[in-house]
Amino acid sequence: MIEAAKQKAQTTVPTSASMKQKAQTSVPDRETVKEAAVTALPPREILVHGAVIVAVLAIASMTGLGSESSEDDLVNMLQSIGDFISLIILGVAVPNGAYGFLQYMTAGSNVDQDEKGRKRIRNTFIGLAGVAVIQVAVNVFESMIMNAGSGS
């Protein structure tokens, strides 16, 4: 009878191997989590197209088309939107570039930190080029709108 109780006690006590196996099967691996996160979000193209549609509808609904004052309002709105986007990009890019420069200068022989600093500096220049493209696009649209309004 004592032997039967000892045998029952040994079979009900979990061993470390069975606990490790249970822990490994209950925690998802990193790739599974990444795949779940990526599939949970809508594709980036849908978000971009949605944002463009909302911006166009907002501009169209705020201005009455046809009058000269509406052209001025449209130009002012485009300039303010371009300036706002440029300000946001500059507000992120400049501190990011400064931090990247600091990372690059203090990297020493740490190759990973050196690469991170270079990448941040490169991304800062890409952001600054984006600001320049936005300002040029706003000026081109402004001249197109003003030329179309004066030609009619």
C-alpha atoms as a PDB file:
ATOM      1  CA  MET A   1       0.000   0.000   0.000  1.00  0.00           C
ATOM      2  CA  ILE A   2       2.864   2.358   0.799  1.00  0.00           C
ATOM      3  CA  GLU A   3       4.497   1.433  -2.472  1.00  0.00           C
ATOM      4  CA  ALA A   4       1.312   2.303  -4.379  1.00  0.00           C
ATOM      5  CA  ALA A   5       1.123   5.729  -2.670  1.00  0.00           C
ATOM      6  CA  LYS A   6       4.775   6.457  -3.519  1.00  0.00           C
ATOM      7  CA  GLN A   7       4.222   5.468  -7.126  1.00  0.00           C
ATOM      8  CA  LYS A   8       1.102   7.669  -7.382  1.00  0.00           C
ATOM      9  CA  ALA A   9       2.952  10.623  -5.860  1.00  0.00           C
ATOM     10  CA  GLN A  10       5.776  10.246  -8.359  1.00  0.00           C
ATOM     11  CA  THR A  11       3.455  10.208 -11.355  1.00  0.00           C
ATOM     12  CA  THR A  12       1.504  13.321 -10.305  1.00  0.00           C
ATOM     13  CA  VAL A  13       4.521  15.532  -9.530  1.00  0.00           C
ATOM     14  CA  PRO A  14       5.613  17.326 -12.691  1.00  0.00           C
ATOM     15  CA  THR A  15       9.241  16.994 -13.637  1.00  0.00           C
ATOM     16  CA  SER A  16      11.404  19.876 -14.798  1.00  0.00           C
ATOM     17  CA  ALA A  17      11.510  18.432 -18.314  1.00  0.00           C
ATOM     18  CA  SER A  18       7.726  18.360 -18.590  1.00  0.00           C
ATOM     19  CA  MET A  19       7.518  21.909 -17.186  1.00  0.00           C
ATOM     20  CA  LYS A  20      10.024  23.164 -19.778  1.00  0.00           C
ATOM     21  CA  GLN A  21       8.118  21.472 -22.572  1.00  0.00           C
ATOM     22  CA  LYS A  22       4.846  23.021 -21.394  1.00  0.00           C
ATOM     23  CA  ALA A  23       6.470  26.473 -21.161  1.00  0.00           C
ATOM     24  CA  GLN A  24       7.919  26.168 -24.651  1.00  0.00           C
ATOM     25  CA  THR A  25       4.639  25.162 -26.221  1.00  0.00           C
ATOM     26  CA  SER A  26       2.583  27.875 -24.514  1.00  0.00           C
ATOM     27  CA  VAL A  27       4.773  30.869 -25.509  1.00  0.00           C
ATOM     28  CA  PRO A  28       4.652  31.838 -29.190  1.00  0.00           C
ATOM     29  CA  ASP A  29       7.951  32.451 -30.907  1.00  0.00           C
ATOM     30  CA  ARG A  30       9.046  35.860 -32.173  1.00  0.00           C
ATOM     31  CA  GLU A  31       8.224  35.128 -35.834  1.00  0.00           C
ATOM     32  CA  THR A  32       4.655  34.125 -34.987  1.00  0.00           C
ATOM     33  CA  VAL A  33       4.135  37.372 -33.103  1.00  0.00           C
ATOM     34  CA  LYS A  34       5.571  39.421 -35.989  1.00  0.00           C
ATOM     35  CA  GLU A  35       3.353  37.664 -38.525  1.00  0.00           C
ATOM     36  CA  ALA A  36       0.277  38.253 -36.379  1.00  0.00           C
ATOM     37  CA  ALA A  37       1.142  41.944 -35.986  1.00  0.00           C
ATOM     38  CA  VAL A  38       1.731  42.443 -39.710  1.00  0.00           C
ATOM     39  CA  THR A  39      -1.460  40.699 -40.750  1.00  0.00           C
ATOM     40  CA  ALA A  40      -3.519  42.648 -38.212  1.00  0.00           C
ATOM     41  CA  LEU A  41      -2.747  45.999 -39.880  1.00  0.00           C
ATOM     42  CA  PRO A  42      -4.224  47.135 -43.187  1.00  0.00           C
ATOM     43  CA  PRO A  43      -1.771  47.461 -46.068  1.00  0.00           C
ATOM     44  CA  ARG A  44       0.158  50.718 -46.188  1.00  0.00           C
ATOM     45  CA  GLU A  45      -1.186  51.566 -49.653  1.00  0.00           C
ATOM     46  CA  ILE A  46      -4.750  51.596 -48.366  1.00  0.00           C
ATOM     47  CA  LEU A  47      -3.806  54.015 -45.606  1.00  0.00           C
ATOM     48  CA  VAL A  48      -1.974  56.323 -48.027  1.00  0.00           C
ATOM     49  CA  HIS A  49      -4.841  56.321 -50.532  1.00  0.00           C
ATOM     50  CA  GLY A  50      -7.326  56.983 -47.752  1.00  0.00           C
ATOM     51  CA  ALA A  51      -5.303  59.937 -46.477  1.00  0.00           C
ATOM     52  CA  VAL A  52      -5.055  61.421 -49.978  1.00  0.00           C
ATOM     53  CA  ILE A  53      -8.789  61.041 -50.550  1.00  0.00           C
ATOM     54  CA  VAL A  54      -9.577  62.713 -47.229  1.00  0.00           C
ATOM     55  CA  ALA A  55      -7.211  65.607 -48.020  1.00  0.00           C
ATOM     56  CA  VAL A  56      -8.707  66.144 -51.480  1.00  0.00           C
ATOM     57  CA  LEU A  57     -12.258  66.045 -50.127  1.00  0.00           C
ATOM     58  CA  ALA A  58     -11.345  68.484 -47.359  1.00  0.00           C
ATOM     59  CA  ILE A  59      -9.832  70.937 -49.818  1.00  0.00           C
ATOM     60  CA  ALA A  60     -12.750  70.610 -52.227  1.00  0.00           C
ATOM     61  CA  SER A  61     -15.369  71.078 -49.521  1.00  0.00           C
ATOM     62  CA  MET A  62     -13.724  74.130 -47.979  1.00  0.00           C
ATOM     63  CA  THR A  63     -13.406  76.146 -51.164  1.00  0.00           C
ATOM     64  CA  GLY A  64     -16.085  77.197 -53.584  1.00  0.00           C
ATOM     65  CA  LEU A  65     -14.758  76.588 -57.077  1.00  0.00           C
ATOM     66  CA  GLY A  66     -14.908  79.288 -59.746  1.00  0.00           C
ATOM     67  CA  SER A  67     -14.406  82.613 -57.981  1.00  0.00           C
ATOM     68  CA  GLU A  68     -11.101  84.448 -57.673  1.00  0.00           C
ATOM     69  CA  SER A  69     -11.282  84.512 -53.887  1.00  0.00           C
ATOM     70  CA  SER A  70     -11.710  80.744 -53.839  1.00  0.00           C
ATOM     71  CA  GLU A  71      -8.461  80.413 -55.848  1.00  0.00           C
ATOM     72  CA  ASP A  72      -6.676  82.540 -53.274  1.00  0.00           C
ATOM     73  CA  ASP A  73      -8.211  80.462 -50.497  1.00  0.00           C
ATOM     74  CA  LEU A  74      -7.092  77.259 -52.212  1.00  0.00           C
ATOM     75  CA  VAL A  75      -3.545  78.593 -52.652  1.00  0.00           C
ATOM     76  CA  ASN A  76      -3.418  79.698 -49.021  1.00  0.00           C
ATOM     77  CA  MET A  77      -4.713  76.323 -47.867  1.00  0.00           C
ATOM     78  CA  LEU A  78      -2.146  74.439 -49.973  1.00  0.00           C
ATOM     79  CA  GLN A  79       0.626  76.655 -48.602  1.00  0.00           C
ATOM     80  CA  SER A  80      -0.499  76.129 -45.024  1.00  0.00           C
ATOM     81  CA  ILE A  81      -0.763  72.345 -45.505  1.00  0.00           C
ATOM     82  CA  GLY A  82       2.688  72.240 -47.131  1.00  0.00           C
ATOM     83  CA  ASP A  83       4.168  74.374 -44.362  1.00  0.00           C
ATOM     84  CA  PHE A  84       2.565  72.203 -41.671  1.00  0.00           C
ATOM     85  CA  ILE A  85       3.865  68.952 -43.182  1.00  0.00           C
ATOM     86  CA  SER A  86       7.309  70.500 -43.654  1.00  0.00           C
ATOM     87  CA  LEU A  87       7.351  71.657 -40.049  1.00  0.00           C
ATOM     88  CA  ILE A  88       6.482  68.173 -38.792  1.00  0.00           C
ATOM     89  CA  ILE A  89       9.176  66.562 -40.957  1.00  0.00           C
ATOM     90  CA  LEU A  90      11.774  69.125 -39.852  1.00  0.00           C
ATOM     91  CA  GLY A  91      10.745  68.691 -36.218  1.00  0.00           C
ATOM     92  CA  VAL A  92      11.497  64.977 -36.471  1.00  0.00           C
ATOM     93  CA  ALA A  93      14.428  65.006 -38.909  1.00  0.00           C
ATOM     94  CA  VAL A  94      16.670  67.603 -37.265  1.00  0.00           C
ATOM     95  CA  PRO A  95      16.771  66.045 -33.761  1.00  0.00           C
ATOM     96  CA  ASN A  96      17.107  62.612 -35.377  1.00  0.00           C
ATOM     97  CA  GLY A  97      20.089  63.870 -37.374  1.00  0.00           C
ATOM     98  CA  ALA A  98      21.667  65.425 -34.302  1.00  0.00           C
ATOM     99  CA  TYR A  99      21.288  62.154 -32.401  1.00  0.00           C
ATOM    100  CA  GLY A 100      22.692  60.233 -35.369  1.00  0.00           C
ATOM    101  CA  PHE A 101      25.676  62.560 -35.503  1.00  0.00           C
ATOM    102  CA  LEU A 102      26.236  62.024 -31.783  1.00  0.00           C
ATOM    103  CA  GLN A 103      25.999  58.239 -32.253  1.00  0.00           C
ATOM    104  CA  TYR A 104      28.438  58.351 -35.157  1.00  0.00           C
ATOM    105  CA  MET A 105      30.964  60.516 -33.311  1.00  0.00           C
ATOM    106  CA  THR A 106      30.908  58.438 -30.126  1.00  0.00           C
ATOM    107  CA  ALA A 107      30.893  55.027 -31.837  1.00  0.00           C
ATOM    108  CA  GLY A 108      34.621  54.441 -31.581  1.00  0.00           C
ATOM    109  CA  SER A 109      35.210  50.836 -32.631  1.00  0.00           C
ATOM    110  CA  ASN A 110      31.569  49.819 -32.159  1.00  0.00           C
ATOM    111  CA  VAL A 111      30.491  48.981 -35.703  1.00  0.00           C
ATOM    112  CA  ASP A 112      26.782  48.648 -34.858  1.00  0.00           C
ATOM    113  CA  GLN A 113      26.591  52.110 -33.317  1.00  0.00           C
ATOM    114  CA  ASP A 114      28.562  53.539 -36.247  1.00  0.00           C
ATOM    115  CA  GLU A 115      26.076  52.053 -38.726  1.00  0.00           C
ATOM    116  CA  LYS A 116      23.083  53.266 -36.708  1.00  0.00           C
ATOM    117  CA  GLY A 117      24.508  56.789 -36.657  1.00  0.00           C
ATOM    118  CA  ARG A 118      25.148  56.753 -40.406  1.00  0.00           C
ATOM    119  CA  LYS A 119      21.638  55.461 -41.056  1.00  0.00           C
ATOM    120  CA  ARG A 120      20.096  58.218 -38.921  1.00  0.00           C
ATOM    121  CA  ILE A 121      22.141  60.885 -40.700  1.00  0.00           C
ATOM    122  CA  ARG A 122      21.151  59.461 -44.109  1.00  0.00           C
ATOM    123  CA  ASN A 123      17.476  59.413 -43.109  1.00  0.00           C
ATOM    124  CA  THR A 124      17.767  63.028 -41.974  1.00  0.00           C
ATOM    125  CA  PHE A 125      19.005  64.086 -45.401  1.00  0.00           C
ATOM    126  CA  ILE A 126      16.189  62.114 -47.009  1.00  0.00           C
ATOM    127  CA  GLY A 127      13.705  63.970 -44.773  1.00  0.00           C
ATOM    128  CA  LEU A 128      15.227  67.335 -45.678  1.00  0.00           C
ATOM    129  CA  ALA A 129      14.988  66.440 -49.364  1.00  0.00           C
ATOM    130  CA  GLY A 130      11.344  65.543 -48.762  1.00  0.00           C
ATOM    131  CA  VAL A 131      10.730  68.988 -47.297  1.00  0.00           C
ATOM    132  CA  ALA A 132      12.310  70.573 -50.374  1.00  0.00           C
ATOM    133  CA  VAL A 133      10.118  68.445 -52.673  1.00  0.00           C
ATOM    134  CA  ILE A 134       6.995  69.448 -50.734  1.00  0.00           C
ATOM    135  CA  GLN A 135       7.831  73.150 -50.987  1.00  0.00           C
ATOM    136  CA  VAL A 136       8.546  72.878 -54.732  1.00  0.00           C
ATOM    137  CA  ALA A 137       5.293  70.952 -55.291  1.00  0.00           C
ATOM    138  CA  VAL A 138       3.303  73.593 -53.411  1.00  0.00           C
ATOM    139  CA  ASN A 139       4.886  76.346 -55.525  1.00  0.00           C
ATOM    140  CA  VAL A 140       4.150  74.422 -58.752  1.00  0.00           C
ATOM    141  CA  PHE A 141       0.510  73.896 -57.755  1.00  0.00           C
ATOM    142  CA  GLU A 142       0.238  77.555 -56.777  1.00  0.00           C
ATOM    143  CA  SER A 143       1.516  78.697 -60.175  1.00  0.00           C
ATOM    144  CA  MET A 144      -0.792  76.236 -61.966  1.00  0.00           C
ATOM    145  CA  ILE A 145      -3.825  77.459 -60.038  1.00  0.00           C
ATOM    146  CA  MET A 146      -2.963  81.131 -60.516  1.00  0.00           C
ATOM    147  CA  ASN A 147      -2.241  80.673 -64.255  1.00  0.00           C
ATOM    148  CA  ALA A 148      -5.462  78.717 -64.764  1.00  0.00           C
ATOM    149  CA  GLY A 149      -7.432  81.399 -62.908  1.00  0.00           C
ATOM    150  CA  SER A 150      -5.952  84.320 -64.847  1.00  0.00           C
ATOM    151  CA  GLY A 151      -6.286  82.555 -68.233  1.00  0.00           C
ATOM    152  CA  SER A 152     -10.083  82.281 -68.101  1.00  0.00           C
END
